[in-house]
Amino acid sequence: MTAEGMDRTLHTVRLTDASQMPAQTGRTWLVTGATHGVGQQVAQAAVRAGARLILPARDLARGQELAARARQAGGAVQLLPLDLTEPDSIEQFAAAVEGPVDVLVNNAGAVTPRRRETANGQELILATNFLGPFALTDRLREKLISRVVIVGSDAHRSGVVNAADPHFRHRRWSVAAAYAQSKLCTMLWARALQGRLTDVSVQLAHPGWAFTNIQNVTGHRLLDAAVSAVCRPIAQSAAEGALPVLAAAVSPLNPLSYVGPDGFRALRGKPTLQKPSSLAQDDDAAEAVWQLGVRETGTCGDD
């Protein structure tokens, strides 16, 4: 269903605390990146509201621990291995998903202190934050029935997508440039995806500055500890960072709404509607990013 074809009167964030989650009994949520941080908080809130959870995990031991905890609380969980940087893993995961899926939350993300590549030669941040979720969503398309939430970032505002060299093979790599490009790609991908889904709304959210393990990217234990010590009193908790994502998943919203914290520079606060950058709303740029995703992942795209 296109943005133009849906009810334009819906535009309200109705969830500002996880305790306000509407009942999700009988619904299935699939949350990537659910073994840590914001994704874990989103998954736990969905289970508490009665949802059946599909739990992807690259670290199966960690996934088993969380699945056991959810089952002890009365939740139904399907635990499946998934590595978003491995095309075969994505294909096998999607085939094993017991659909339909009411809510897909593309939350998994990565930051690296230096340029790294996946086994098939893709820049790791782009592969994890955009290309993997792009391929996964495409593989699951026939099983999606209600809503897709894509977790973006206000870092998209400084992003530039270089379709000729998306993996920084011939230009200078920096963590800021790589991360911003990946998040601009997710914002534009959401726009292109909405026009290709029927009766499924695509929503965007960002958690602001949430204190999670994504801060620990230097590769040095003592330096990571120092960064954490500085960030902890400033950033909001992972549970607070999860609220915009949950709001995007359950609030009555127009397609392609963008939900983030309402505080200073959208770093923290209660969920509210926000406006993406003008580039992130450009249809031609969205189509170009879609074609980039098709080319880089080998998925069928529009078939």
C-alpha atoms as a PDB file:
ATOM      1  CA  MET A   1       0.000   0.000   0.000  1.00  0.00           C
ATOM      2  CA  THR A   2       1.383   3.410  -0.896  1.00  0.00           C
ATOM      3  CA  ALA A   3       1.516   6.348   1.468  1.00  0.00           C
ATOM      4  CA  GLU A   4      -1.140   8.074  -0.623  1.00  0.00           C
ATOM      5  CA  GLY A   5      -3.475   5.086  -0.309  1.00  0.00           C
ATOM      6  CA  MET A   6      -3.621   4.990   3.472  1.00  0.00           C
ATOM      7  CA  ASP A   7      -5.637   7.032   5.961  1.00  0.00           C
ATOM      8  CA  ARG A   8      -3.957  10.434   6.183  1.00  0.00           C
ATOM      9  CA  THR A   9      -5.811  11.277   9.424  1.00  0.00           C
ATOM     10  CA  LEU A  10      -3.686   8.872  11.450  1.00  0.00           C
ATOM     11  CA  HIS A  11      -0.713  10.695  12.862  1.00  0.00           C
ATOM     12  CA  THR A  12      -0.494  10.178  16.580  1.00  0.00           C
ATOM     13  CA  VAL A  13       2.138   8.811  18.945  1.00  0.00           C
ATOM     14  CA  ARG A  14       0.163   7.133  21.713  1.00  0.00           C
ATOM     15  CA  LEU A  15       2.911   5.369  23.634  1.00  0.00           C
ATOM     16  CA  THR A  16       5.221   7.289  25.933  1.00  0.00           C
ATOM     17  CA  ASP A  17       5.889   4.484  28.431  1.00  0.00           C
ATOM     18  CA  ALA A  18       6.279   0.729  27.912  1.00  0.00           C
ATOM     19  CA  SER A  19       3.462   0.129  30.416  1.00  0.00           C
ATOM     20  CA  GLN A  20       1.088   1.663  27.845  1.00  0.00           C
ATOM     21  CA  MET A  21       1.723  -1.105  25.311  1.00  0.00           C
ATOM     22  CA  PRO A  22      -1.588  -2.356  23.902  1.00  0.00           C
ATOM     23  CA  ALA A  23      -2.218  -6.081  24.106  1.00  0.00           C
ATOM     24  CA  GLN A  24      -0.332  -8.038  21.435  1.00  0.00           C
ATOM     25  CA  THR A  25      -1.927 -11.404  22.136  1.00  0.00           C
ATOM     26  CA  GLY A  26      -2.195 -13.449  18.954  1.00  0.00           C
ATOM     27  CA  ARG A  27       0.361 -11.318  17.123  1.00  0.00           C
ATOM     28  CA  THR A  28       3.908 -12.233  16.089  1.00  0.00           C
ATOM     29  CA  TRP A  29       6.853  -9.860  16.388  1.00  0.00           C
ATOM     30  CA  LEU A  30      10.249 -10.400  14.780  1.00  0.00           C
ATOM     31  CA  VAL A  31      12.924  -8.152  16.277  1.00  0.00           C
ATOM     32  CA  THR A  32      16.489  -8.159  14.964  1.00  0.00           C
ATOM     33  CA  GLY A  33      19.275  -7.172  17.313  1.00  0.00           C
ATOM     34  CA  ALA A  34      17.137  -8.408  20.206  1.00  0.00           C
ATOM     35  CA  THR A  35      19.946  -9.954  22.230  1.00  0.00           C
ATOM     36  CA  HIS A  36      21.254  -6.587  23.470  1.00  0.00           C
ATOM     37  CA  GLY A  37      20.330  -2.996  24.168  1.00  0.00           C
ATOM     38  CA  VAL A  38      17.355  -1.314  22.544  1.00  0.00           C
ATOM     39  CA  GLY A  39      16.332  -4.416  20.610  1.00  0.00           C
ATOM     40  CA  GLN A  40      16.238  -6.496  23.773  1.00  0.00           C
ATOM     41  CA  GLN A  41      13.993  -3.929  25.442  1.00  0.00           C
ATOM     42  CA  VAL A  42      11.670  -3.876  22.418  1.00  0.00           C
ATOM     43  CA  ALA A  43      11.444  -7.663  22.359  1.00  0.00           C
ATOM     44  CA  GLN A  44      10.783  -7.905  26.088  1.00  0.00           C
ATOM     45  CA  ALA A  45       8.024  -5.283  25.896  1.00  0.00           C
ATOM     46  CA  ALA A  46       6.370  -7.194  23.046  1.00  0.00           C
ATOM     47  CA  VAL A  47       6.482 -10.455  25.008  1.00  0.00           C
ATOM     48  CA  ARG A  48       5.079  -8.767  28.132  1.00  0.00           C
ATOM     49  CA  ALA A  49       2.189  -7.510  25.982  1.00  0.00           C
ATOM     50  CA  GLY A  50       1.437 -11.075  24.898  1.00  0.00           C
ATOM     51  CA  ALA A  51       3.161 -11.278  21.516  1.00  0.00           C
ATOM     52  CA  ARG A  52       4.789 -14.384  20.136  1.00  0.00           C
ATOM     53  CA  LEU A  53       8.435 -13.510  19.497  1.00  0.00           C
ATOM     54  CA  ILE A  54      10.714 -14.632  16.701  1.00  0.00           C
ATOM     55  CA  LEU A  55      14.191 -14.126  18.110  1.00  0.00           C
ATOM     56  CA  PRO A  56      17.113 -13.998  15.652  1.00  0.00           C
ATOM     57  CA  ALA A  57      20.526 -14.491  17.227  1.00  0.00           C
ATOM     58  CA  ARG A  58      24.052 -14.535  15.886  1.00  0.00           C
ATOM     59  CA  ASP A  59      25.197 -15.528  19.396  1.00  0.00           C
ATOM     60  CA  LEU A  60      22.990 -18.569  19.994  1.00  0.00           C
ATOM     61  CA  ALA A  61      24.062 -18.966  23.624  1.00  0.00           C
ATOM     62  CA  ARG A  62      22.906 -15.425  24.349  1.00  0.00           C
ATOM     63  CA  GLY A  63      19.720 -16.047  22.360  1.00  0.00           C
ATOM     64  CA  GLN A  64      18.951 -19.228  24.304  1.00  0.00           C
ATOM     65  CA  GLU A  65      19.357 -17.359  27.573  1.00  0.00           C
ATOM     66  CA  LEU A  66      16.897 -14.658  26.531  1.00  0.00           C
ATOM     67  CA  ALA A  67      14.455 -17.155  25.026  1.00  0.00           C
ATOM     68  CA  ALA A  68      14.442 -19.177  28.247  1.00  0.00           C
ATOM     69  CA  ARG A  69      13.781 -16.038  30.262  1.00  0.00           C
ATOM     70  CA  ALA A  70      10.850 -15.103  27.992  1.00  0.00           C
ATOM     71  CA  ARG A  71       9.379 -18.617  28.190  1.00  0.00           C
ATOM     72  CA  GLN A  72       9.621 -18.609  31.978  1.00  0.00           C
ATOM     73  CA  ALA A  73       7.524 -15.443  31.887  1.00  0.00           C
ATOM     74  CA  GLY A  74       4.927 -17.244  29.772  1.00  0.00           C
ATOM     75  CA  GLY A  75       6.056 -15.997  26.371  1.00  0.00           C
ATOM     76  CA  ALA A  76       6.172 -18.006  23.152  1.00  0.00           C
ATOM     77  CA  VAL A  77       9.531 -17.728  21.402  1.00  0.00           C
ATOM     78  CA  GLN A  78      11.003 -19.119  18.189  1.00  0.00           C
ATOM     79  CA  LEU A  79      14.795 -18.835  18.370  1.00  0.00           C
ATOM     80  CA  LEU A  80      16.643 -18.958  15.051  1.00  0.00           C
ATOM     81  CA  PRO A  81      20.273 -18.334  14.061  1.00  0.00           C
ATOM     82  CA  LEU A  82      20.883 -15.243  11.919  1.00  0.00           C
ATOM     83  CA  ASP A  83      23.953 -13.382  10.736  1.00  0.00           C
ATOM     84  CA  LEU A  84      22.900 -10.322   8.743  1.00  0.00           C
ATOM     85  CA  THR A  85      26.285 -10.194   7.015  1.00  0.00           C
ATOM     86  CA  GLU A  86      25.881 -13.691   5.534  1.00  0.00           C
ATOM     87  CA  PRO A  87      23.465 -14.098   2.568  1.00  0.00           C
ATOM     88  CA  ASP A  88      23.066 -17.846   3.163  1.00  0.00           C
ATOM     89  CA  SER A  89      22.209 -17.233   6.818  1.00  0.00           C
ATOM     90  CA  ILE A  90      19.552 -14.693   5.835  1.00  0.00           C
ATOM     91  CA  GLU A  91      17.999 -17.071   3.314  1.00  0.00           C
ATOM     92  CA  GLN A  92      17.937 -19.982   5.755  1.00  0.00           C
ATOM     93  CA  PHE A  93      16.520 -17.824   8.526  1.00  0.00           C
ATOM     94  CA  ALA A  94      13.708 -16.447   6.352  1.00  0.00           C
ATOM     95  CA  ALA A  95      12.773 -19.949   5.195  1.00  0.00           C
ATOM     96  CA  ALA A  96      12.580 -21.144   8.815  1.00  0.00           C
ATOM     97  CA  VAL A  97      10.380 -18.279  10.040  1.00  0.00           C
ATOM     98  CA  GLU A  98       6.954 -19.547  10.961  1.00  0.00           C
ATOM     99  CA  GLY A  99       4.757 -16.773   9.598  1.00  0.00           C
ATOM    100  CA  PRO A 100       2.776 -14.690   9.342  1.00  0.00           C
ATOM    101  CA  VAL A 101       4.715 -11.828  10.934  1.00  0.00           C
ATOM    102  CA  ASP A 102       2.619  -8.942  12.227  1.00  0.00           C
ATOM    103  CA  VAL A 103       5.492  -6.638  13.221  1.00  0.00           C
ATOM    104  CA  LEU A 104       9.016  -6.750  11.845  1.00  0.00           C
ATOM    105  CA  VAL A 105      11.457  -4.494  13.679  1.00  0.00           C
ATOM    106  CA  ASN A 106      14.702  -3.996  11.771  1.00  0.00           C
ATOM    107  CA  ASN A 107      16.744  -2.880  14.757  1.00  0.00           C
ATOM    108  CA  ALA A 108      20.124  -4.632  14.436  1.00  0.00           C
ATOM    109  CA  GLY A 109      23.029  -2.313  13.795  1.00  0.00           C
ATOM    110  CA  ALA A 110      26.788  -2.041  14.038  1.00  0.00           C
ATOM    111  CA  VAL A 111      29.570   0.495  14.428  1.00  0.00           C
ATOM    112  CA  THR A 112      33.229  -0.435  13.946  1.00  0.00           C
ATOM    113  CA  PRO A 113      36.364   1.493  14.982  1.00  0.00           C
ATOM    114  CA  ARG A 114      38.074   0.780  11.669  1.00  0.00           C
ATOM    115  CA  ARG A 115      37.025  -0.288   8.191  1.00  0.00           C
ATOM    116  CA  ARG A 116      36.126  -3.963   8.100  1.00  0.00           C
ATOM    117  CA  GLU A 117      34.621  -6.190   5.442  1.00  0.00           C
ATOM    118  CA  THR A 118      32.219  -9.098   5.544  1.00  0.00           C
ATOM    119  CA  ALA A 119      33.197 -12.480   4.107  1.00  0.00           C
ATOM    120  CA  ASN A 120      31.797 -11.416   0.727  1.00  0.00           C
ATOM    121  CA  GLY A 121      33.697  -8.112   0.662  1.00  0.00           C
ATOM    122  CA  GLN A 122      31.066  -5.612   1.807  1.00  0.00           C
ATOM    123  CA  GLU A 123      31.865  -2.791   4.214  1.00  0.00           C
ATOM    124  CA  LEU A 124      30.640  -4.101   7.556  1.00  0.00           C
ATOM    125  CA  ILE A 125      28.604  -1.109   8.772  1.00  0.00           C
ATOM    126  CA  LEU A 126      26.700  -0.844   5.494  1.00  0.00           C
ATOM    127  CA  ALA A 127      26.172  -4.596   5.381  1.00  0.00           C
ATOM    128  CA  THR A 128      24.826  -4.815   8.929  1.00  0.00           C
ATOM    129  CA  ASN A 129      22.772  -1.630   9.024  1.00  0.00           C
ATOM    130  CA  PHE A 130      21.314  -1.647   5.518  1.00  0.00           C
ATOM    131  CA  LEU A 131      22.137  -4.473   3.129  1.00  0.00           C
ATOM    132  CA  GLY A 132      21.403  -7.326   5.549  1.00  0.00           C
ATOM    133  CA  PRO A 133      18.061  -5.887   6.713  1.00  0.00           C
ATOM    134  CA  PHE A 134      17.191  -5.083   3.085  1.00  0.00           C
ATOM    135  CA  ALA A 135      17.769  -8.704   2.046  1.00  0.00           C
ATOM    136  CA  LEU A 136      16.003 -10.080   5.121  1.00  0.00           C
ATOM    137  CA  THR A 137      12.896  -7.956   4.593  1.00  0.00           C
ATOM    138  CA  ASP A 138      12.771  -8.952   0.932  1.00  0.00           C
ATOM    139  CA  ARG A 139      12.993 -12.631   1.843  1.00  0.00           C
ATOM    140  CA  LEU A 140      10.188 -12.209   4.381  1.00  0.00           C
ATOM    141  CA  ARG A 141       7.964 -10.033   2.208  1.00  0.00           C
ATOM    142  CA  GLU A 142       5.227 -12.622   1.655  1.00  0.00           C
ATOM    143  CA  LYS A 143       5.001 -13.266   5.417  1.00  0.00           C
ATOM    144  CA  LEU A 144       4.605  -9.620   6.496  1.00  0.00           C
ATOM    145  CA  ILE A 145       1.017  -8.623   7.245  1.00  0.00           C
ATOM    146  CA  SER A 146       0.910  -5.420   9.293  1.00  0.00           C
ATOM    147  CA  ARG A 147       3.931  -3.234  10.020  1.00  0.00           C
ATOM    148  CA  VAL A 148       7.643  -2.872   9.358  1.00  0.00           C
ATOM    149  CA  VAL A 149       9.662  -0.635  11.671  1.00  0.00           C
ATOM    150  CA  ILE A 150      13.085   0.440  10.451  1.00  0.00           C
ATOM    151  CA  VAL A 151      15.382   1.877  13.099  1.00  0.00           C
ATOM    152  CA  GLY A 152      17.188   4.851  11.619  1.00  0.00           C
ATOM    153  CA  SER A 153      19.240   7.594  13.204  1.00  0.00           C
ATOM    154  CA  ASP A 154      19.508  11.349  13.047  1.00  0.00           C
ATOM    155  CA  ALA A 155      23.021  10.647  11.764  1.00  0.00           C
ATOM    156  CA  HIS A 156      21.270  10.318   8.398  1.00  0.00           C
ATOM    157  CA  ARG A 157      21.194  14.124   8.221  1.00  0.00           C
ATOM    158  CA  SER A 158      24.937  14.225   7.503  1.00  0.00           C
ATOM    159  CA  GLY A 159      24.926  11.157   5.291  1.00  0.00           C
ATOM    160  CA  VAL A 160      25.991  10.895   1.663  1.00  0.00           C
ATOM    161  CA  VAL A 161      25.325   7.765  -0.369  1.00  0.00           C
ATOM    162  CA  ASN A 162      28.053   7.029  -2.886  1.00  0.00           C
ATOM    163  CA  ALA A 163      26.483   4.375  -5.104  1.00  0.00           C
ATOM    164  CA  ALA A 164      29.683   4.058  -7.139  1.00  0.00           C
ATOM    165  CA  ASP A 165      31.750   3.250  -4.053  1.00  0.00           C
ATOM    166  CA  PRO A 166      29.389   2.349  -1.193  1.00  0.00           C
ATOM    167  CA  HIS A 167      32.024   0.179   0.489  1.00  0.00           C
ATOM    168  CA  PHE A 168      34.728   2.873   0.707  1.00  0.00           C
ATOM    169  CA  ARG A 169      37.158   0.924  -1.429  1.00  0.00           C
ATOM    170  CA  HIS A 170      38.394   4.028  -3.245  1.00  0.00           C
ATOM    171  CA  ARG A 171      37.534   6.870  -0.855  1.00  0.00           C
ATOM    172  CA  ARG A 172      38.509   7.706   2.678  1.00  0.00           C
ATOM    173  CA  TRP A 173      36.632   5.696   5.309  1.00  0.00           C
ATOM    174  CA  SER A 174      35.665   7.138   8.679  1.00  0.00           C
ATOM    175  CA  VAL A 175      33.274   5.739  11.228  1.00  0.00           C
ATOM    176  CA  ALA A 176      31.121   8.877  11.009  1.00  0.00           C
ATOM    177  CA  ALA A 177      30.904   8.799   7.203  1.00  0.00           C
ATOM    178  CA  ALA A 178      30.221   5.054   7.065  1.00  0.00           C
ATOM    179  CA  TYR A 179      27.576   5.162   9.782  1.00  0.00           C
ATOM    180  CA  ALA A 180      25.824   8.227   8.354  1.00  0.00           C
ATOM    181  CA  GLN A 181      25.740   6.672   4.880  1.00  0.00           C
ATOM    182  CA  SER A 182      24.254   3.447   6.261  1.00  0.00           C
ATOM    183  CA  LYS A 183      21.538   5.302   8.152  1.00  0.00           C
ATOM    184  CA  LEU A 184      20.641   7.526   5.209  1.00  0.00           C
ATOM    185  CA  CYS A 185      20.320   4.322   3.203  1.00  0.00           C
ATOM    186  CA  THR A 186      17.876   2.901   5.758  1.00  0.00           C
ATOM    187  CA  MET A 187      15.753   6.058   5.670  1.00  0.00           C
ATOM    188  CA  LEU A 188      15.578   6.031   1.872  1.00  0.00           C
ATOM    189  CA  TRP A 189      15.061   2.282   1.717  1.00  0.00           C
ATOM    190  CA  ALA A 190      12.002   2.673   3.965  1.00  0.00           C
ATOM    191  CA  ARG A 191      10.539   5.140   1.498  1.00  0.00           C
ATOM    192  CA  ALA A 192      11.066   2.849  -1.470  1.00  0.00           C
ATOM    193  CA  LEU A 193       9.835  -0.183   0.476  1.00  0.00           C
ATOM    194  CA  GLN A 194       6.523   1.444   1.393  1.00  0.00           C
ATOM    195  CA  GLY A 195       5.565   1.775  -2.245  1.00  0.00           C
ATOM    196  CA  ARG A 196       6.187  -1.923  -2.802  1.00  0.00           C
ATOM    197  CA  LEU A 197       4.189  -3.369   0.088  1.00  0.00           C
ATOM    198  CA  THR A 198       0.462  -4.056   0.110  1.00  0.00           C
ATOM    199  CA  ASP A 199      -1.514  -3.498   3.322  1.00  0.00           C
ATOM    200  CA  VAL A 200       1.687  -3.126   5.342  1.00  0.00           C
ATOM    201  CA  SER A 201       2.829   0.206   6.752  1.00  0.00           C
ATOM    202  CA  VAL A 202       6.493   1.119   7.024  1.00  0.00           C
ATOM    203  CA  GLN A 203       7.538   3.283   9.964  1.00  0.00           C
ATOM    204  CA  LEU A 204      10.831   4.879  10.986  1.00  0.00           C
ATOM    205  CA  ALA A 205      12.183   5.432  14.478  1.00  0.00           C
ATOM    206  CA  HIS A 206      15.381   6.381  16.211  1.00  0.00           C
ATOM    207  CA  PRO A 207      16.276   5.843  19.875  1.00  0.00           C
ATOM    208  CA  GLY A 208      18.223   9.046  20.413  1.00  0.00           C
ATOM    209  CA  TRP A 209      21.376   8.641  22.463  1.00  0.00           C
ATOM    210  CA  ALA A 210      20.726   5.397  24.301  1.00  0.00           C
ATOM    211  CA  PHE A 211      23.351   3.788  26.521  1.00  0.00           C
ATOM    212  CA  THR A 212      24.019   0.384  24.926  1.00  0.00           C
ATOM    213  CA  ASN A 213      26.996  -1.737  23.959  1.00  0.00           C
ATOM    214  CA  ILE A 214      27.203   0.102  20.612  1.00  0.00           C
ATOM    215  CA  GLN A 215      29.355   2.663  22.461  1.00  0.00           C
ATOM    216  CA  ASN A 216      32.020  -0.003  23.018  1.00  0.00           C
ATOM    217  CA  VAL A 217      33.617   0.132  19.595  1.00  0.00           C
ATOM    218  CA  THR A 218      37.221   1.191  20.185  1.00  0.00           C
ATOM    219  CA  GLY A 219      38.523  -2.342  20.562  1.00  0.00           C
ATOM    220  CA  HIS A 220      40.392  -1.375  23.737  1.00  0.00           C
ATOM    221  CA  ARG A 221      38.892  -2.445  27.072  1.00  0.00           C
ATOM    222  CA  LEU A 222      40.105   0.522  29.101  1.00  0.00           C
ATOM    223  CA  LEU A 223      39.155   3.055  26.441  1.00  0.00           C
ATOM    224  CA  ASP A 224      35.703   1.488  26.075  1.00  0.00           C
ATOM    225  CA  ALA A 225      35.299   1.746  29.852  1.00  0.00           C
ATOM    226  CA  ALA A 226      36.274   5.423  29.739  1.00  0.00           C
ATOM    227  CA  VAL A 227      33.794   6.123  26.927  1.00  0.00           C
ATOM    228  CA  SER A 228      31.061   4.321  28.860  1.00  0.00           C
ATOM    229  CA  ALA A 229      31.828   6.315  31.992  1.00  0.00           C
ATOM    230  CA  VAL A 230      31.387   9.562  30.064  1.00  0.00           C
ATOM    231  CA  CYS A 231      28.255   8.462  28.206  1.00  0.00           C
ATOM    232  CA  ARG A 232      26.366   6.807  31.053  1.00  0.00           C
ATOM    233  CA  PRO A 233      25.227   9.979  32.908  1.00  0.00           C
ATOM    234  CA  ILE A 234      24.341  11.784  29.661  1.00  0.00           C
ATOM    235  CA  ALA A 235      22.600   9.129  27.580  1.00  0.00           C
ATOM    236  CA  GLN A 236      19.184   7.717  28.310  1.00  0.00           C
ATOM    237  CA  SER A 237      18.712   4.059  29.156  1.00  0.00           C
ATOM    238  CA  ALA A 238      18.157   1.341  26.586  1.00  0.00           C
ATOM    239  CA  ALA A 239      14.585   1.017  27.901  1.00  0.00           C
ATOM    240  CA  GLU A 240      13.981   4.712  27.232  1.00  0.00           C
ATOM    241  CA  GLY A 241      15.645   4.410  23.834  1.00  0.00           C
ATOM    242  CA  ALA A 242      13.268   1.586  22.973  1.00  0.00           C
ATOM    243  CA  LEU A 243      10.179   3.756  23.451  1.00  0.00           C
ATOM    244  CA  PRO A 244      10.296   5.496  20.032  1.00  0.00           C
ATOM    245  CA  VAL A 245      10.682   2.093  18.379  1.00  0.00           C
ATOM    246  CA  LEU A 246       7.734   0.672  20.314  1.00  0.00           C
ATOM    247  CA  ALA A 247       5.688   3.782  19.527  1.00  0.00           C
ATOM    248  CA  ALA A 248       6.438   3.343  15.827  1.00  0.00           C
ATOM    249  CA  ALA A 249       5.352  -0.286  16.094  1.00  0.00           C
ATOM    250  CA  VAL A 250       1.972   0.208  17.798  1.00  0.00           C
ATOM    251  CA  SER A 251       0.808   3.817  17.358  1.00  0.00           C
ATOM    252  CA  PRO A 252      -1.768   4.807  14.711  1.00  0.00           C
ATOM    253  CA  LEU A 253       0.562   6.534  12.262  1.00  0.00           C
ATOM    254  CA  ASN A 254       0.679   7.599   8.666  1.00  0.00           C
ATOM    255  CA  PRO A 255       3.107   5.567   6.574  1.00  0.00           C
ATOM    256  CA  LEU A 256       6.735   6.674   6.857  1.00  0.00           C
ATOM    257  CA  SER A 257       6.271   8.541  10.115  1.00  0.00           C
ATOM    258  CA  TYR A 258       9.564   9.176  11.917  1.00  0.00           C
ATOM    259  CA  VAL A 259       9.472   8.811  15.703  1.00  0.00           C
ATOM    260  CA  GLY A 260      12.251   9.950  18.027  1.00  0.00           C
ATOM    261  CA  PRO A 261      12.854  11.557  21.434  1.00  0.00           C
ATOM    262  CA  ASP A 262      11.401  15.015  22.036  1.00  0.00           C
ATOM    263  CA  GLY A 263      14.359  16.442  23.989  1.00  0.00           C
ATOM    264  CA  PHE A 264      17.324  18.618  23.046  1.00  0.00           C
ATOM    265  CA  ARG A 265      18.643  17.684  19.596  1.00  0.00           C
ATOM    266  CA  ALA A 266      16.419  14.586  19.790  1.00  0.00           C
ATOM    267  CA  LEU A 267      19.014  12.902  22.000  1.00  0.00           C
ATOM    268  CA  ARG A 268      16.643  11.879  24.770  1.00  0.00           C
ATOM    269  CA  GLY A 269      13.048  12.287  25.899  1.00  0.00           C
ATOM    270  CA  LYS A 270       9.593  10.893  25.167  1.00  0.00           C
ATOM    271  CA  PRO A 271       8.596   9.663  21.693  1.00  0.00           C
ATOM    272  CA  THR A 272       7.307  12.291  19.298  1.00  0.00           C
ATOM    273  CA  LEU A 273       6.926  12.746  15.550  1.00  0.00           C
ATOM    274  CA  GLN A 274       9.930  14.243  13.812  1.00  0.00           C
ATOM    275  CA  LYS A 275      10.827  15.289  10.288  1.00  0.00           C
ATOM    276  CA  PRO A 276      13.555  13.507   8.332  1.00  0.00           C
ATOM    277  CA  SER A 277      16.008  15.481   6.229  1.00  0.00           C
ATOM    278  CA  SER A 278      14.812  16.671   2.832  1.00  0.00           C
ATOM    279  CA  LEU A 279      17.155  14.192   1.133  1.00  0.00           C
ATOM    280  CA  ALA A 280      15.668  11.329   3.149  1.00  0.00           C
ATOM    281  CA  GLN A 281      12.272  12.240   1.652  1.00  0.00           C
ATOM    282  CA  ASP A 282      13.463  12.342  -1.963  1.00  0.00           C
ATOM    283  CA  ASP A 283      11.743   9.720  -4.114  1.00  0.00           C
ATOM    284  CA  ASP A 284      14.484   9.596  -6.749  1.00  0.00           C
ATOM    285  CA  ALA A 285      17.147   9.074  -4.090  1.00  0.00           C
ATOM    286  CA  ALA A 286      14.977   6.378  -2.496  1.00  0.00           C
ATOM    287  CA  GLU A 287      14.700   4.540  -5.800  1.00  0.00           C
ATOM    288  CA  ALA A 288      18.466   4.774  -6.324  1.00  0.00           C
ATOM    289  CA  VAL A 289      19.097   3.272  -2.876  1.00  0.00           C
ATOM    290  CA  TRP A 290      16.573   0.526  -3.590  1.00  0.00           C
ATOM    291  CA  GLN A 291      18.466  -0.396  -6.749  1.00  0.00           C
ATOM    292  CA  LEU A 292      21.723  -0.296  -4.777  1.00  0.00           C
ATOM    293  CA  GLY A 293      20.235  -2.775  -2.320  1.00  0.00           C
ATOM    294  CA  VAL A 294      19.062  -5.074  -5.108  1.00  0.00           C
ATOM    295  CA  ARG A 295      22.458  -4.971  -6.818  1.00  0.00           C
ATOM    296  CA  GLU A 296      24.501  -5.536  -3.659  1.00  0.00           C
ATOM    297  CA  THR A 297      22.339  -8.282  -2.130  1.00  0.00           C
ATOM    298  CA  GLY A 298      21.201 -10.134  -5.237  1.00  0.00           C
ATOM    299  CA  THR A 299      17.614 -10.170  -3.993  1.00  0.00           C
ATOM    300  CA  CYS A 300      14.747 -10.088  -6.440  1.00  0.00           C
ATOM    301  CA  GLY A 301      13.691  -6.585  -5.434  1.00  0.00           C
ATOM    302  CA  ASP A 302      10.567  -5.969  -7.498  1.00  0.00           C
ATOM    303  CA  ASP A 303       9.847  -9.518  -8.672  1.00  0.00           C
END
